Amino acid sequence: MLIRHADPAATTPVTMTGAKDVTMQVMVGRDDNAPNFAMRHFVVAPGGHTPHHAHPYEHEVFIVEGELEAECDGETRTVTGGDVLLVPSEAVHQFRNASAAPARFLCLVPVTSDCGQPVSGS
C-alpha cells in the first residue's frame, strides 16, 4: 500500500504554457506503477490560474479547500472546498483563483496521459 500526504510545501511549479502561480504534487502516478489513474494535488495562489485548455480524456476534480472559478466550455461557476467536478473529454476548461487565499484541488486523469507526470499541468 502506498500512502502519501497532500502537502502544499511539496508541490512544484506547473510549467505548462498559460499556467500562472500554480504548483502540483503527483500523489499517485506512473512512477508508482498505477495501472489506470494518476492523482495530482494542485495549489493555486491568489490571482493564479491553470491553463485554458482541453484534452482527449475526462478528469475528475475534488476541491480540497479555498474558492475557485471553474470554467468549462464557456460556463463559469464558483466552486469551494468539498465540491466535486467532472470535466468531460475535449471540454475547454480552466481554474482561476480570484480570492485572497490559496486554493487546493485533487485531480484524477488516466495514467497514460502526459498530465500524470509532474512536468505537465492540469
N, C-alpha and C. Protein backbone atom coordinates (compact mmCIF):
# COMPACT_ATOMS: atom_id res chain seq x y z
N MET A 1 0.85 -1.17 0.00
CA MET A 1 0.00 0.00 0.00
C MET A 1 0.90 1.23 0.00
N LEU A 2 0.55 2.19 -0.82
CA LEU A 2 1.26 3.47 -0.89
C LEU A 2 0.46 4.51 -0.12
N ILE A 3 1.13 5.27 0.73
CA ILE A 3 0.49 6.35 1.47
C ILE A 3 1.34 7.60 1.29
N ARG A 4 0.71 8.67 0.85
CA ARG A 4 1.37 9.97 0.74
C ARG A 4 0.47 11.01 1.35
N HIS A 5 1.06 12.11 1.77
CA HIS A 5 0.31 13.22 2.36
C HIS A 5 0.29 14.38 1.37
N ALA A 6 -0.88 14.92 1.08
CA ALA A 6 -1.00 16.10 0.21
C ALA A 6 -0.46 17.30 0.97
N ASP A 7 0.71 17.76 0.55
CA ASP A 7 1.42 18.80 1.27
C ASP A 7 1.71 19.98 0.34
N PRO A 8 1.09 21.13 0.54
CA PRO A 8 1.36 22.28 -0.33
C PRO A 8 2.84 22.62 -0.43
N ALA A 9 3.62 22.35 0.62
CA ALA A 9 5.05 22.64 0.59
C ALA A 9 5.82 21.67 -0.32
N ALA A 10 5.20 20.54 -0.68
CA ALA A 10 5.87 19.54 -1.52
C ALA A 10 5.51 19.70 -3.00
N THR A 11 4.74 20.72 -3.34
CA THR A 11 4.35 20.92 -4.73
C THR A 11 5.47 21.63 -5.49
N THR A 12 5.47 21.45 -6.82
CA THR A 12 6.44 22.11 -7.68
C THR A 12 5.70 22.92 -8.74
N PRO A 13 6.33 23.97 -9.26
CA PRO A 13 5.63 24.83 -10.23
C PRO A 13 5.16 24.07 -11.47
N VAL A 14 3.95 24.40 -11.92
CA VAL A 14 3.42 23.88 -13.18
C VAL A 14 4.01 24.76 -14.28
N THR A 15 4.69 24.12 -15.24
CA THR A 15 5.38 24.87 -16.29
C THR A 15 4.62 24.89 -17.60
N MET A 16 3.43 24.34 -17.62
CA MET A 16 2.62 24.32 -18.83
C MET A 16 2.29 25.75 -19.26
N THR A 17 2.41 26.04 -20.55
CA THR A 17 2.11 27.37 -21.07
C THR A 17 0.70 27.78 -20.67
N GLY A 18 0.57 28.99 -20.13
CA GLY A 18 -0.73 29.51 -19.72
C GLY A 18 -1.01 29.36 -18.24
N ALA A 19 -0.17 28.61 -17.52
CA ALA A 19 -0.35 28.48 -16.08
C ALA A 19 0.30 29.66 -15.39
N LYS A 20 -0.35 30.13 -14.32
CA LYS A 20 0.20 31.24 -13.54
C LYS A 20 0.03 30.94 -12.06
N ASP A 21 1.12 30.91 -11.32
CA ASP A 21 1.09 30.71 -9.86
C ASP A 21 0.33 29.45 -9.45
N VAL A 22 0.65 28.34 -10.14
CA VAL A 22 0.05 27.03 -9.84
C VAL A 22 1.19 26.05 -9.57
N THR A 23 1.04 25.26 -8.51
CA THR A 23 2.01 24.22 -8.21
C THR A 23 1.28 22.88 -8.12
N MET A 24 2.05 21.79 -8.27
CA MET A 24 1.44 20.46 -8.31
C MET A 24 2.33 19.43 -7.63
N GLN A 25 1.69 18.45 -7.04
CA GLN A 25 2.36 17.29 -6.44
C GLN A 25 1.66 16.05 -6.99
N VAL A 26 2.42 15.14 -7.59
CA VAL A 26 1.83 13.87 -8.04
C VAL A 26 1.67 13.00 -6.81
N MET A 27 0.43 12.64 -6.52
CA MET A 27 0.14 11.81 -5.35
C MET A 27 0.33 10.33 -5.68
N VAL A 28 -0.20 9.92 -6.83
CA VAL A 28 -0.06 8.56 -7.35
C VAL A 28 0.04 8.68 -8.86
N GLY A 29 0.97 7.96 -9.45
CA GLY A 29 1.11 8.06 -10.90
C GLY A 29 1.88 6.91 -11.50
N ARG A 30 2.34 7.15 -12.69
CA ARG A 30 3.07 6.16 -13.49
C ARG A 30 4.27 5.60 -12.72
N ASP A 31 5.01 6.46 -12.05
CA ASP A 31 6.20 6.01 -11.32
C ASP A 31 5.86 5.09 -10.15
N ASP A 32 4.60 5.07 -9.75
CA ASP A 32 4.15 4.20 -8.66
C ASP A 32 3.53 2.91 -9.19
N ASN A 33 3.64 2.71 -10.52
CA ASN A 33 3.05 1.55 -11.19
C ASN A 33 1.53 1.52 -11.09
N ALA A 34 0.90 2.70 -11.00
CA ALA A 34 -0.56 2.77 -11.02
C ALA A 34 -1.02 2.37 -12.43
N PRO A 35 -1.87 1.38 -12.57
CA PRO A 35 -2.23 0.89 -13.90
C PRO A 35 -3.24 1.73 -14.66
N ASN A 36 -4.04 2.54 -13.97
CA ASN A 36 -5.13 3.23 -14.67
C ASN A 36 -5.19 4.74 -14.46
N PHE A 37 -4.97 5.22 -13.24
CA PHE A 37 -5.20 6.63 -12.94
C PHE A 37 -4.00 7.28 -12.26
N ALA A 38 -3.88 8.57 -12.48
CA ALA A 38 -2.92 9.40 -11.75
C ALA A 38 -3.73 10.40 -10.93
N MET A 39 -3.31 10.62 -9.69
CA MET A 39 -3.95 11.61 -8.83
C MET A 39 -2.93 12.71 -8.57
N ARG A 40 -3.37 13.95 -8.81
CA ARG A 40 -2.48 15.08 -8.62
C ARG A 40 -3.09 16.08 -7.65
N HIS A 41 -2.24 16.74 -6.89
CA HIS A 41 -2.64 17.74 -5.90
C HIS A 41 -2.15 19.09 -6.41
N PHE A 42 -3.06 20.02 -6.63
CA PHE A 42 -2.72 21.34 -7.14
C PHE A 42 -2.97 22.40 -6.08
N VAL A 43 -2.12 23.42 -6.09
CA VAL A 43 -2.30 24.61 -5.27
C VAL A 43 -2.31 25.80 -6.23
N VAL A 44 -3.37 26.60 -6.15
CA VAL A 44 -3.50 27.80 -7.00
C VAL A 44 -3.43 29.01 -6.07
N ALA A 45 -2.39 29.82 -6.25
CA ALA A 45 -2.20 31.01 -5.41
C ALA A 45 -3.25 32.06 -5.77
N PRO A 46 -3.51 33.01 -4.87
CA PRO A 46 -4.41 34.11 -5.21
C PRO A 46 -3.95 34.79 -6.50
N GLY A 47 -4.88 34.99 -7.42
CA GLY A 47 -4.57 35.58 -8.71
C GLY A 47 -4.02 34.59 -9.73
N GLY A 48 -3.82 33.35 -9.31
CA GLY A 48 -3.28 32.33 -10.21
C GLY A 48 -4.36 31.61 -10.98
N HIS A 49 -3.91 30.83 -11.99
CA HIS A 49 -4.86 30.05 -12.79
C HIS A 49 -4.14 28.93 -13.53
N THR A 50 -4.89 27.88 -13.82
CA THR A 50 -4.38 26.82 -14.68
C THR A 50 -4.51 27.29 -16.12
N PRO A 51 -3.88 26.59 -17.05
CA PRO A 51 -4.03 26.97 -18.46
C PRO A 51 -5.48 26.82 -18.92
N HIS A 52 -5.86 27.58 -19.90
CA HIS A 52 -7.15 27.45 -20.57
C HIS A 52 -6.91 26.42 -21.65
N HIS A 53 -7.43 25.19 -21.49
CA HIS A 53 -7.05 24.10 -22.39
C HIS A 53 -8.11 23.00 -22.42
N ALA A 54 -7.88 22.04 -23.30
CA ALA A 54 -8.73 20.85 -23.43
C ALA A 54 -7.81 19.66 -23.71
N HIS A 55 -8.31 18.46 -23.47
CA HIS A 55 -7.55 17.24 -23.78
C HIS A 55 -8.52 16.10 -24.06
N PRO A 56 -8.02 15.02 -24.66
CA PRO A 56 -8.91 13.94 -25.12
C PRO A 56 -9.29 12.93 -24.05
N TYR A 57 -9.41 13.34 -22.83
CA TYR A 57 -9.83 12.46 -21.74
C TYR A 57 -10.53 13.31 -20.68
N GLU A 58 -11.47 12.67 -19.98
CA GLU A 58 -12.15 13.35 -18.88
C GLU A 58 -11.22 13.43 -17.68
N HIS A 59 -11.54 14.28 -16.74
CA HIS A 59 -10.92 14.16 -15.44
C HIS A 59 -11.88 14.61 -14.35
N GLU A 60 -11.64 14.04 -13.18
CA GLU A 60 -12.47 14.31 -12.02
C GLU A 60 -11.67 15.19 -11.07
N VAL A 61 -12.34 16.16 -10.46
CA VAL A 61 -11.68 17.13 -9.61
C VAL A 61 -12.42 17.22 -8.27
N PHE A 62 -11.67 17.19 -7.18
CA PHE A 62 -12.21 17.39 -5.84
C PHE A 62 -11.55 18.64 -5.26
N ILE A 63 -12.36 19.64 -4.92
CA ILE A 63 -11.84 20.87 -4.33
C ILE A 63 -11.58 20.59 -2.85
N VAL A 64 -10.33 20.67 -2.44
CA VAL A 64 -9.95 20.39 -1.05
C VAL A 64 -10.27 21.58 -0.16
N GLU A 65 -9.81 22.76 -0.57
CA GLU A 65 -10.07 23.96 0.22
C GLU A 65 -9.94 25.19 -0.66
N GLY A 66 -10.55 26.27 -0.19
CA GLY A 66 -10.49 27.53 -0.91
C GLY A 66 -11.66 27.70 -1.87
N GLU A 67 -11.51 28.69 -2.73
CA GLU A 67 -12.56 29.03 -3.68
C GLU A 67 -11.92 29.27 -5.05
N LEU A 68 -12.51 28.68 -6.07
CA LEU A 68 -12.02 28.82 -7.43
C LEU A 68 -13.16 29.15 -8.37
N GLU A 69 -12.84 29.83 -9.45
CA GLU A 69 -13.76 29.98 -10.57
C GLU A 69 -13.41 28.86 -11.54
N ALA A 70 -14.35 27.95 -11.75
CA ALA A 70 -14.14 26.83 -12.66
C ALA A 70 -14.88 27.13 -13.96
N GLU A 71 -14.13 27.23 -15.04
CA GLU A 71 -14.73 27.46 -16.35
C GLU A 71 -14.67 26.17 -17.15
N CYS A 72 -15.78 25.81 -17.77
CA CYS A 72 -15.84 24.60 -18.58
C CYS A 72 -16.76 24.87 -19.76
N ASP A 73 -16.19 24.85 -20.97
CA ASP A 73 -16.93 25.10 -22.21
C ASP A 73 -17.77 26.37 -22.15
N GLY A 74 -17.17 27.44 -21.62
CA GLY A 74 -17.80 28.75 -21.61
C GLY A 74 -18.67 29.05 -20.41
N GLU A 75 -18.96 28.05 -19.59
CA GLU A 75 -19.74 28.28 -18.36
C GLU A 75 -18.79 28.41 -17.19
N THR A 76 -18.97 29.43 -16.37
CA THR A 76 -18.12 29.64 -15.19
C THR A 76 -18.95 29.53 -13.94
N ARG A 77 -18.46 28.72 -13.00
CA ARG A 77 -19.13 28.53 -11.72
C ARG A 77 -18.11 28.68 -10.60
N THR A 78 -18.54 29.17 -9.47
CA THR A 78 -17.67 29.24 -8.29
C THR A 78 -17.77 27.91 -7.57
N VAL A 79 -16.61 27.33 -7.23
CA VAL A 79 -16.56 26.06 -6.51
C VAL A 79 -15.74 26.26 -5.24
N THR A 80 -16.08 25.51 -4.21
CA THR A 80 -15.41 25.64 -2.91
C THR A 80 -15.10 24.26 -2.35
N GLY A 81 -14.35 24.25 -1.24
CA GLY A 81 -13.96 23.01 -0.60
C GLY A 81 -15.13 22.05 -0.43
N GLY A 82 -14.92 20.80 -0.84
CA GLY A 82 -15.95 19.77 -0.76
C GLY A 82 -16.68 19.54 -2.07
N ASP A 83 -16.55 20.47 -3.03
CA ASP A 83 -17.21 20.29 -4.33
C ASP A 83 -16.44 19.30 -5.19
N VAL A 84 -17.18 18.57 -6.03
CA VAL A 84 -16.62 17.60 -6.97
C VAL A 84 -17.07 17.98 -8.37
N LEU A 85 -16.14 17.92 -9.32
CA LEU A 85 -16.45 18.29 -10.71
C LEU A 85 -16.05 17.16 -11.65
N LEU A 86 -16.80 17.01 -12.71
CA LEU A 86 -16.42 16.16 -13.83
C LEU A 86 -16.15 17.08 -15.01
N VAL A 87 -14.93 17.06 -15.51
CA VAL A 87 -14.57 17.83 -16.70
C VAL A 87 -14.57 16.84 -17.86
N PRO A 88 -15.53 16.96 -18.79
CA PRO A 88 -15.63 15.99 -19.88
C PRO A 88 -14.45 16.05 -20.84
N SER A 89 -14.25 14.96 -21.53
CA SER A 89 -13.24 14.89 -22.58
C SER A 89 -13.48 16.00 -23.60
N GLU A 90 -12.41 16.65 -24.03
CA GLU A 90 -12.42 17.73 -25.03
C GLU A 90 -13.06 19.03 -24.57
N ALA A 91 -13.50 19.13 -23.32
CA ALA A 91 -14.08 20.38 -22.82
C ALA A 91 -12.96 21.38 -22.54
N VAL A 92 -13.12 22.60 -23.03
CA VAL A 92 -12.15 23.66 -22.74
C VAL A 92 -12.42 24.12 -21.32
N HIS A 93 -11.37 24.10 -20.48
CA HIS A 93 -11.56 24.39 -19.07
C HIS A 93 -10.37 25.14 -18.48
N GLN A 94 -10.63 25.76 -17.32
CA GLN A 94 -9.61 26.49 -16.58
C GLN A 94 -10.10 26.68 -15.15
N PHE A 95 -9.15 26.71 -14.21
CA PHE A 95 -9.44 27.03 -12.81
C PHE A 95 -8.71 28.31 -12.46
N ARG A 96 -9.44 29.29 -11.91
CA ARG A 96 -8.87 30.60 -11.55
C ARG A 96 -9.14 30.88 -10.08
N ASN A 97 -8.15 31.45 -9.42
CA ASN A 97 -8.31 31.82 -8.02
C ASN A 97 -8.42 33.34 -7.93
N ALA A 98 -9.64 33.83 -7.75
CA ALA A 98 -9.89 35.27 -7.62
C ALA A 98 -9.99 35.68 -6.15
N SER A 99 -9.75 34.74 -5.25
CA SER A 99 -9.87 35.04 -3.82
C SER A 99 -8.52 35.51 -3.26
N ALA A 100 -8.51 35.82 -1.98
CA ALA A 100 -7.29 36.30 -1.31
C ALA A 100 -6.51 35.17 -0.64
N ALA A 101 -6.99 33.92 -0.75
CA ALA A 101 -6.33 32.79 -0.09
C ALA A 101 -6.01 31.71 -1.12
N PRO A 102 -4.98 30.91 -0.89
CA PRO A 102 -4.68 29.81 -1.80
C PRO A 102 -5.86 28.83 -1.85
N ALA A 103 -5.98 28.14 -2.98
CA ALA A 103 -6.99 27.09 -3.14
C ALA A 103 -6.27 25.80 -3.53
N ARG A 104 -6.83 24.67 -3.09
CA ARG A 104 -6.22 23.38 -3.41
C ARG A 104 -7.27 22.45 -3.99
N PHE A 105 -6.83 21.64 -4.97
CA PHE A 105 -7.72 20.61 -5.50
C PHE A 105 -6.94 19.38 -5.88
N LEU A 106 -7.66 18.24 -5.88
CA LEU A 106 -7.14 16.97 -6.36
C LEU A 106 -7.75 16.71 -7.72
N CYS A 107 -6.96 16.12 -8.62
CA CYS A 107 -7.42 15.87 -9.97
C CYS A 107 -7.00 14.46 -10.37
N LEU A 108 -7.93 13.69 -10.95
CA LEU A 108 -7.64 12.35 -11.44
C LEU A 108 -7.69 12.36 -12.95
N VAL A 109 -6.66 11.77 -13.57
CA VAL A 109 -6.58 11.64 -15.03
C VAL A 109 -6.08 10.23 -15.34
N PRO A 110 -6.25 9.78 -16.59
CA PRO A 110 -5.67 8.48 -16.96
C PRO A 110 -4.16 8.51 -16.81
N VAL A 111 -3.60 7.45 -16.28
CA VAL A 111 -2.15 7.39 -16.08
C VAL A 111 -1.42 7.44 -17.41
N THR A 112 -2.07 7.10 -18.50
CA THR A 112 -1.44 7.12 -19.81
C THR A 112 -1.33 8.52 -20.41
N SER A 113 -2.01 9.51 -19.80
CA SER A 113 -1.94 10.89 -20.29
C SER A 113 -0.62 11.51 -19.87
N ASP A 114 -0.20 12.54 -20.60
CA ASP A 114 1.00 13.29 -20.22
C ASP A 114 0.80 14.01 -18.90
N CYS A 115 -0.45 14.26 -18.51
CA CYS A 115 -0.72 15.02 -17.29
C CYS A 115 -0.51 14.19 -16.03
N GLY A 116 -0.12 12.94 -16.16
CA GLY A 116 0.18 12.13 -14.99
C GLY A 116 1.59 12.35 -14.48
N GLN A 117 2.32 13.24 -15.11
CA GLN A 117 3.71 13.50 -14.73
C GLN A 117 3.84 14.92 -14.19
N PRO A 118 4.80 15.14 -13.32
CA PRO A 118 4.91 16.44 -12.66
C PRO A 118 5.29 17.60 -13.56
N VAL A 119 5.80 17.37 -14.76
CA VAL A 119 6.20 18.47 -15.63
C VAL A 119 5.03 19.04 -16.39
N SER A 120 3.87 18.39 -16.35
CA SER A 120 2.70 18.86 -17.09
C SER A 120 1.84 19.75 -16.24
N GLY A 121 0.60 19.97 -16.67
CA GLY A 121 -0.32 20.80 -15.91
C GLY A 121 -1.65 20.13 -15.74
N SER A 122 -2.64 20.90 -15.41
CA SER A 122 -3.98 20.38 -15.18
C SER A 122 -4.66 20.05 -16.48
